[in-house]
Amino acid sequence: METILTAYSVNPVCCNGCGACAAMAPELFAMDEATEKPVLLLAEAPVDDVERAMAFCPHDCIEAD
């Protein structure tokens, strides 16, 4: 089965830096200690991984592009 990739992003306006994305998908996100916001680790990721992170974001800040 082929893995489908998608671009993804975080809306910095609604993100409060809770770290849920980095906790649920550390292969996709890391927390920037200076800004207290997530940093994307990949340009594209498997759709299932992005959707999992989206489901756990309490403010719906993660977007699949």
PDB file of N, CA and C in Angstrom:
ATOM      1  N   MET A   1       0.837  -1.180   0.000  1.00  0.00           N
ATOM      2  CA  MET A   1       0.000   0.000   0.000  1.00  0.00           C
ATOM      3  C   MET A   1       0.883   1.245   0.000  1.00  0.00           C
ATOM      4  N   GLU A   2       0.549   2.184  -0.843  1.00  0.00           N
ATOM      5  CA  GLU A   2       1.336   3.409  -0.989  1.00  0.00           C
ATOM      6  C   GLU A   2       0.961   4.423   0.097  1.00  0.00           C
ATOM      7  N   THR A   3       1.961   5.061   0.668  1.00  0.00           N
ATOM      8  CA  THR A   3       1.733   6.097   1.674  1.00  0.00           C
ATOM      9  C   THR A   3       1.449   7.413   0.968  1.00  0.00           C
ATOM     10  N   ILE A   4       0.344   8.038   1.316  1.00  0.00           N
ATOM     11  CA  ILE A   4      -0.027   9.318   0.734  1.00  0.00           C
ATOM     12  C   ILE A   4       0.505  10.427   1.625  1.00  0.00           C
ATOM     13  N   LEU A   5       1.246  11.350   1.017  1.00  0.00           N
ATOM     14  CA  LEU A   5       1.825  12.473   1.755  1.00  0.00           C
ATOM     15  C   LEU A   5       1.011  13.737   1.528  1.00  0.00           C
ATOM     16  N   THR A   6       1.019  14.602   2.526  1.00  0.00           N
ATOM     17  CA  THR A   6       0.370  15.901   2.406  1.00  0.00           C
ATOM     18  C   THR A   6       1.232  16.962   3.070  1.00  0.00           C
ATOM     19  N   ALA A   7       1.164  18.162   2.552  1.00  0.00           N
ATOM     20  CA  ALA A   7       1.815  19.288   3.223  1.00  0.00           C
ATOM     21  C   ALA A   7       0.939  19.654   4.413  1.00  0.00           C
ATOM     22  N   TYR A   8       1.536  20.237   5.429  1.00  0.00           N
ATOM     23  CA  TYR A   8       0.781  20.628   6.616  1.00  0.00           C
ATOM     24  C   TYR A   8       1.389  21.893   7.195  1.00  0.00           C
ATOM     25  N   SER A   9       0.600  22.576   8.017  1.00  0.00           N
ATOM     26  CA  SER A   9       1.067  23.822   8.614  1.00  0.00           C
ATOM     27  C   SER A   9       0.355  24.043   9.942  1.00  0.00           C
ATOM     28  N   VAL A  10       0.865  25.004  10.701  1.00  0.00           N
ATOM     29  CA  VAL A  10       0.243  25.403  11.959  1.00  0.00           C
ATOM     30  C   VAL A  10      -0.099  26.880  11.850  1.00  0.00           C
ATOM     31  N   ASN A  11      -1.329  27.208  12.180  1.00  0.00           N
ATOM     32  CA  ASN A  11      -1.755  28.603  12.196  1.00  0.00           C
ATOM     33  C   ASN A  11      -1.214  29.231  13.477  1.00  0.00           C
ATOM     34  N   PRO A  12      -0.219  30.113  13.380  1.00  0.00           N
ATOM     35  CA  PRO A  12       0.402  30.667  14.587  1.00  0.00           C
ATOM     36  C   PRO A  12      -0.498  31.629  15.361  1.00  0.00           C
ATOM     37  N   VAL A  13      -1.528  32.142  14.713  1.00  0.00           N
ATOM     38  CA  VAL A  13      -2.429  33.076  15.389  1.00  0.00           C
ATOM     39  C   VAL A  13      -3.267  32.363  16.450  1.00  0.00           C
ATOM     40  N   CYS A  14      -3.782  31.197  16.122  1.00  0.00           N
ATOM     41  CA  CYS A  14      -4.635  30.490  17.092  1.00  0.00           C
ATOM     42  C   CYS A  14      -3.854  29.553  17.995  1.00  0.00           C
ATOM     43  N   CYS A  15      -2.600  29.259  17.679  1.00  0.00           N
ATOM     44  CA  CYS A  15      -1.798  28.333  18.478  1.00  0.00           C
ATOM     45  C   CYS A  15      -1.382  28.982  19.791  1.00  0.00           C
ATOM     46  N   ASN A  16      -1.666  28.271  20.896  1.00  0.00           N
ATOM     47  CA  ASN A  16      -1.272  28.789  22.210  1.00  0.00           C
ATOM     48  C   ASN A  16      -0.014  28.109  22.743  1.00  0.00           C
ATOM     49  N   GLY A  17       0.597  27.241  21.937  1.00  0.00           N
ATOM     50  CA  GLY A  17       1.841  26.596  22.330  1.00  0.00           C
ATOM     51  C   GLY A  17       1.673  25.500  23.365  1.00  0.00           C
ATOM     52  N   CYS A  18       0.534  24.821  23.357  1.00  0.00           N
ATOM     53  CA  CYS A  18       0.264  23.789  24.368  1.00  0.00           C
ATOM     54  C   CYS A  18       1.174  22.571  24.228  1.00  0.00           C
ATOM     55  N   GLY A  19       1.674  22.302  23.020  1.00  0.00           N
ATOM     56  CA  GLY A  19       2.584  21.186  22.795  1.00  0.00           C
ATOM     57  C   GLY A  19       1.919  19.859  22.496  1.00  0.00           C
ATOM     58  N   ALA A  20       0.598  19.848  22.349  1.00  0.00           N
ATOM     59  CA  ALA A  20      -0.106  18.598  22.057  1.00  0.00           C
ATOM     60  C   ALA A  20       0.396  17.978  20.752  1.00  0.00           C
ATOM     61  N   CYS A  21       0.645  18.803  19.752  1.00  0.00           N
ATOM     62  CA  CYS A  21       1.103  18.284  18.458  1.00  0.00           C
ATOM     63  C   CYS A  21       2.461  17.591  18.589  1.00  0.00           C
ATOM     64  N   ALA A  22       3.377  18.211  19.316  1.00  0.00           N
ATOM     65  CA  ALA A  22       4.712  17.626  19.490  1.00  0.00           C
ATOM     66  C   ALA A  22       4.645  16.355  20.330  1.00  0.00           C
ATOM     67  N   ALA A  23       3.712  16.305  21.267  1.00  0.00           N
ATOM     68  CA  ALA A  23       3.556  15.107  22.095  1.00  0.00           C
ATOM     69  C   ALA A  23       2.947  13.958  21.294  1.00  0.00           C
ATOM     70  N   MET A  24       1.973  14.258  20.442  1.00  0.00           N
ATOM     71  CA  MET A  24       1.271  13.223  19.680  1.00  0.00           C
ATOM     72  C   MET A  24       2.004  12.824  18.403  1.00  0.00           C
ATOM     73  N   ALA A  25       2.772  13.732  17.838  1.00  0.00           N
ATOM     74  CA  ALA A  25       3.455  13.451  16.569  1.00  0.00           C
ATOM     75  C   ALA A  25       4.860  14.045  16.591  1.00  0.00           C
ATOM     76  N   PRO A  26       5.743  13.492  17.435  1.00  0.00           N
ATOM     77  CA  PRO A  26       7.099  14.058  17.521  1.00  0.00           C
ATOM     78  C   PRO A  26       7.911  13.911  16.242  1.00  0.00           C
ATOM     79  N   GLU A  27       7.444  13.072  15.338  1.00  0.00           N
ATOM     80  CA  GLU A  27       8.123  12.947  14.045  1.00  0.00           C
ATOM     81  C   GLU A  27       7.762  14.102  13.115  1.00  0.00           C
ATOM     82  N   LEU A  28       6.698  14.855  13.462  1.00  0.00           N
ATOM     83  CA  LEU A  28       6.249  15.974  12.631  1.00  0.00           C
ATOM     84  C   LEU A  28       6.530  17.337  13.232  1.00  0.00           C
ATOM     85  N   PHE A  29       6.519  17.422  14.586  1.00  0.00           N
ATOM     86  CA  PHE A  29       6.622  18.709  15.274  1.00  0.00           C
ATOM     87  C   PHE A  29       7.659  18.669  16.387  1.00  0.00           C
ATOM     88  N   ALA A  30       8.282  19.810  16.615  1.00  0.00           N
ATOM     89  CA  ALA A  30       9.130  20.030  17.788  1.00  0.00           C
ATOM     90  C   ALA A  30       8.736  21.394  18.334  1.00  0.00           C
ATOM     91  N   MET A  31       8.899  21.576  19.624  1.00  0.00           N
ATOM     92  CA  MET A  31       8.564  22.870  20.219  1.00  0.00           C
ATOM     93  C   MET A  31       9.789  23.770  20.224  1.00  0.00           C
ATOM     94  N   ASP A  32       9.600  25.004  19.777  1.00  0.00           N
ATOM     95  CA  ASP A  32      10.652  26.014  19.805  1.00  0.00           C
ATOM     96  C   ASP A  32      10.621  26.674  21.182  1.00  0.00           C
ATOM     97  N   GLU A  33      11.677  26.523  21.939  1.00  0.00           N
ATOM     98  CA  GLU A  33      11.710  27.051  23.300  1.00  0.00           C
ATOM     99  C   GLU A  33      11.633  28.577  23.341  1.00  0.00           C
ATOM    100  N   ALA A  34      12.147  29.232  22.329  1.00  0.00           N
ATOM    101  CA  ALA A  34      12.148  30.701  22.309  1.00  0.00           C
ATOM    102  C   ALA A  34      10.751  31.273  22.058  1.00  0.00           C
ATOM    103  N   THR A  35      10.035  30.684  21.090  1.00  0.00           N
ATOM    104  CA  THR A  35       8.710  31.207  20.748  1.00  0.00           C
ATOM    105  C   THR A  35       7.584  30.463  21.449  1.00  0.00           C
ATOM    106  N   GLU A  36       7.900  29.303  22.008  1.00  0.00           N
ATOM    107  CA  GLU A  36       6.907  28.426  22.638  1.00  0.00           C
ATOM    108  C   GLU A  36       5.814  28.018  21.655  1.00  0.00           C
ATOM    109  N   LYS A  37       6.208  27.867  20.394  1.00  0.00           N
ATOM    110  CA  LYS A  37       5.305  27.433  19.325  1.00  0.00           C
ATOM    111  C   LYS A  37       5.929  26.221  18.637  1.00  0.00           C
ATOM    112  N   PRO A  38       5.105  25.413  17.977  1.00  0.00           N
ATOM    113  CA  PRO A  38       5.658  24.254  17.270  1.00  0.00           C
ATOM    114  C   PRO A  38       6.391  24.635  15.989  1.00  0.00           C
ATOM    115  N   VAL A  39       7.368  23.819  15.663  1.00  0.00           N
ATOM    116  CA  VAL A  39       8.139  23.961  14.426  1.00  0.00           C
ATOM    117  C   VAL A  39       7.884  22.699  13.611  1.00  0.00           C
ATOM    118  N   LEU A  40       7.652  22.860  12.314  1.00  0.00           N
ATOM    119  CA  LEU A  40       7.447  21.713  11.436  1.00  0.00           C
ATOM    120  C   LEU A  40       8.792  21.052  11.162  1.00  0.00           C
ATOM    121  N   LEU A  41       8.830  19.744  11.262  1.00  0.00           N
ATOM    122  CA  LEU A  41      10.067  19.010  11.008  1.00  0.00           C
ATOM    123  C   LEU A  41      10.163  18.492   9.575  1.00  0.00           C
ATOM    124  N   LEU A  42       9.020  18.419   8.886  1.00  0.00           N
ATOM    125  CA  LEU A  42       8.973  17.910   7.521  1.00  0.00           C
ATOM    126  C   LEU A  42       8.148  18.847   6.650  1.00  0.00           C
ATOM    127  N   ALA A  43       8.415  18.843   5.360  1.00  0.00           N
ATOM    128  CA  ALA A  43       7.599  19.624   4.427  1.00  0.00           C
ATOM    129  C   ALA A  43       6.296  18.894   4.126  1.00  0.00           C
ATOM    130  N   GLU A  44       6.367  17.568   4.066  1.00  0.00           N
ATOM    131  CA  GLU A  44       5.194  16.731   3.836  1.00  0.00           C
ATOM    132  C   GLU A  44       5.275  15.539   4.769  1.00  0.00           C
ATOM    133  N   ALA A  45       4.110  15.002   5.112  1.00  0.00           N
ATOM    134  CA  ALA A  45       4.057  13.863   6.020  1.00  0.00           C
ATOM    135  C   ALA A  45       2.892  12.960   5.617  1.00  0.00           C
ATOM    136  N   PRO A  46       2.898  11.718   6.096  1.00  0.00           N
ATOM    137  CA  PRO A  46       1.771  10.826   5.807  1.00  0.00           C
ATOM    138  C   PRO A  46       0.448  11.430   6.316  1.00  0.00           C
ATOM    139  N   VAL A  47      -0.569  11.328   5.492  1.00  0.00           N
ATOM    140  CA  VAL A  47      -1.879  11.896   5.822  1.00  0.00           C
ATOM    141  C   VAL A  47      -2.366  11.395   7.179  1.00  0.00           C
ATOM    142  N   ASP A  48      -2.202  10.121   7.459  1.00  0.00           N
ATOM    143  CA  ASP A  48      -2.677   9.566   8.736  1.00  0.00           C
ATOM    144  C   ASP A  48      -2.004  10.243   9.926  1.00  0.00           C
ATOM    145  N   ASP A  49      -0.719  10.523   9.825  1.00  0.00           N
ATOM    146  CA  ASP A  49       0.002  11.179  10.914  1.00  0.00           C
ATOM    147  C   ASP A  49      -0.475  12.614  11.107  1.00  0.00           C
ATOM    148  N   VAL A  50      -0.685  13.318  10.003  1.00  0.00           N
ATOM    149  CA  VAL A  50      -1.167  14.700  10.080  1.00  0.00           C
ATOM    150  C   VAL A  50      -2.578  14.732  10.671  1.00  0.00           C
ATOM    151  N   GLU A  51      -3.429  13.827  10.239  1.00  0.00           N
ATOM    152  CA  GLU A  51      -4.798  13.795  10.757  1.00  0.00           C
ATOM    153  C   GLU A  51      -4.815  13.461  12.247  1.00  0.00           C
ATOM    154  N   ARG A  52      -3.913  12.596  12.703  1.00  0.00           N
ATOM    155  CA  ARG A  52      -3.830  12.274  14.132  1.00  0.00           C
ATOM    156  C   ARG A  52      -3.457  13.521  14.931  1.00  0.00           C
ATOM    157  N   ALA A  53      -2.476  14.263  14.450  1.00  0.00           N
ATOM    158  CA  ALA A  53      -2.077  15.491  15.137  1.00  0.00           C
ATOM    159  C   ALA A  53      -3.212  16.508  15.124  1.00  0.00           C
ATOM    160  N   MET A  54      -3.906  16.622  14.010  1.00  0.00           N
ATOM    161  CA  MET A  54      -5.030  17.553  13.908  1.00  0.00           C
ATOM    162  C   MET A  54      -6.115  17.210  14.928  1.00  0.00           C
ATOM    163  N   ALA A  55      -6.363  15.939  15.129  1.00  0.00           N
ATOM    164  CA  ALA A  55      -7.413  15.504  16.048  1.00  0.00           C
ATOM    165  C   ALA A  55      -7.107  15.876  17.491  1.00  0.00           C
ATOM    166  N   PHE A  56      -5.834  15.963  17.841  1.00  0.00           N
ATOM    167  CA  PHE A  56      -5.455  16.254  19.225  1.00  0.00           C
ATOM    168  C   PHE A  56      -5.152  17.722  19.484  1.00  0.00           C
ATOM    169  N   CYS A  57      -5.191  18.560  18.467  1.00  0.00           N
ATOM    170  CA  CYS A  57      -4.947  19.995  18.660  1.00  0.00           C
ATOM    171  C   CYS A  57      -6.196  20.627  19.262  1.00  0.00           C
ATOM    172  N   PRO A  58      -6.103  21.153  20.484  1.00  0.00           N
ATOM    173  CA  PRO A  58      -7.303  21.671  21.148  1.00  0.00           C
ATOM    174  C   PRO A  58      -7.886  22.931  20.515  1.00  0.00           C
ATOM    175  N   HIS A  59      -7.104  23.625  19.696  1.00  0.00           N
ATOM    176  CA  HIS A  59      -7.598  24.863  19.076  1.00  0.00           C
ATOM    177  C   HIS A  59      -7.720  24.748  17.557  1.00  0.00           C
ATOM    178  N   ASP A  60      -7.590  23.522  17.029  1.00  0.00           N
ATOM    179  CA  ASP A  60      -7.706  23.277  15.579  1.00  0.00           C
ATOM    180  C   ASP A  60      -6.779  24.162  14.756  1.00  0.00           C
ATOM    181  N   CYS A  61      -5.519  24.233  15.174  1.00  0.00           N
ATOM    182  CA  CYS A  61      -4.538  25.099  14.501  1.00  0.00           C
ATOM    183  C   CYS A  61      -3.761  24.401  13.391  1.00  0.00           C
ATOM    184  N   ILE A  62      -3.823  23.079  13.341  1.00  0.00           N
ATOM    185  CA  ILE A  62      -3.060  22.329  12.340  1.00  0.00           C
ATOM    186  C   ILE A  62      -3.919  22.178  11.095  1.00  0.00           C
ATOM    187  N   GLU A  63      -3.322  22.488   9.957  1.00  0.00           N
ATOM    188  CA  GLU A  63      -4.037  22.435   8.687  1.00  0.00           C
ATOM    189  C   GLU A  63      -3.279  21.564   7.704  1.00  0.00           C
ATOM    190  N   ALA A  64      -3.998  20.710   7.001  1.00  0.00           N
ATOM    191  CA  ALA A  64      -3.422  19.951   5.894  1.00  0.00           C
ATOM    192  C   ALA A  64      -3.599  20.806   4.650  1.00  0.00           C
ATOM    193  N   ASP A  65      -2.521  21.023   3.923  1.00  0.00           N
ATOM    194  CA  ASP A  65      -2.566  21.939   2.771  1.00  0.00           C
ATOM    195  C   ASP A  65      -2.945  21.223   1.493  1.00  0.00           C
TER     196      ASP A  65
END
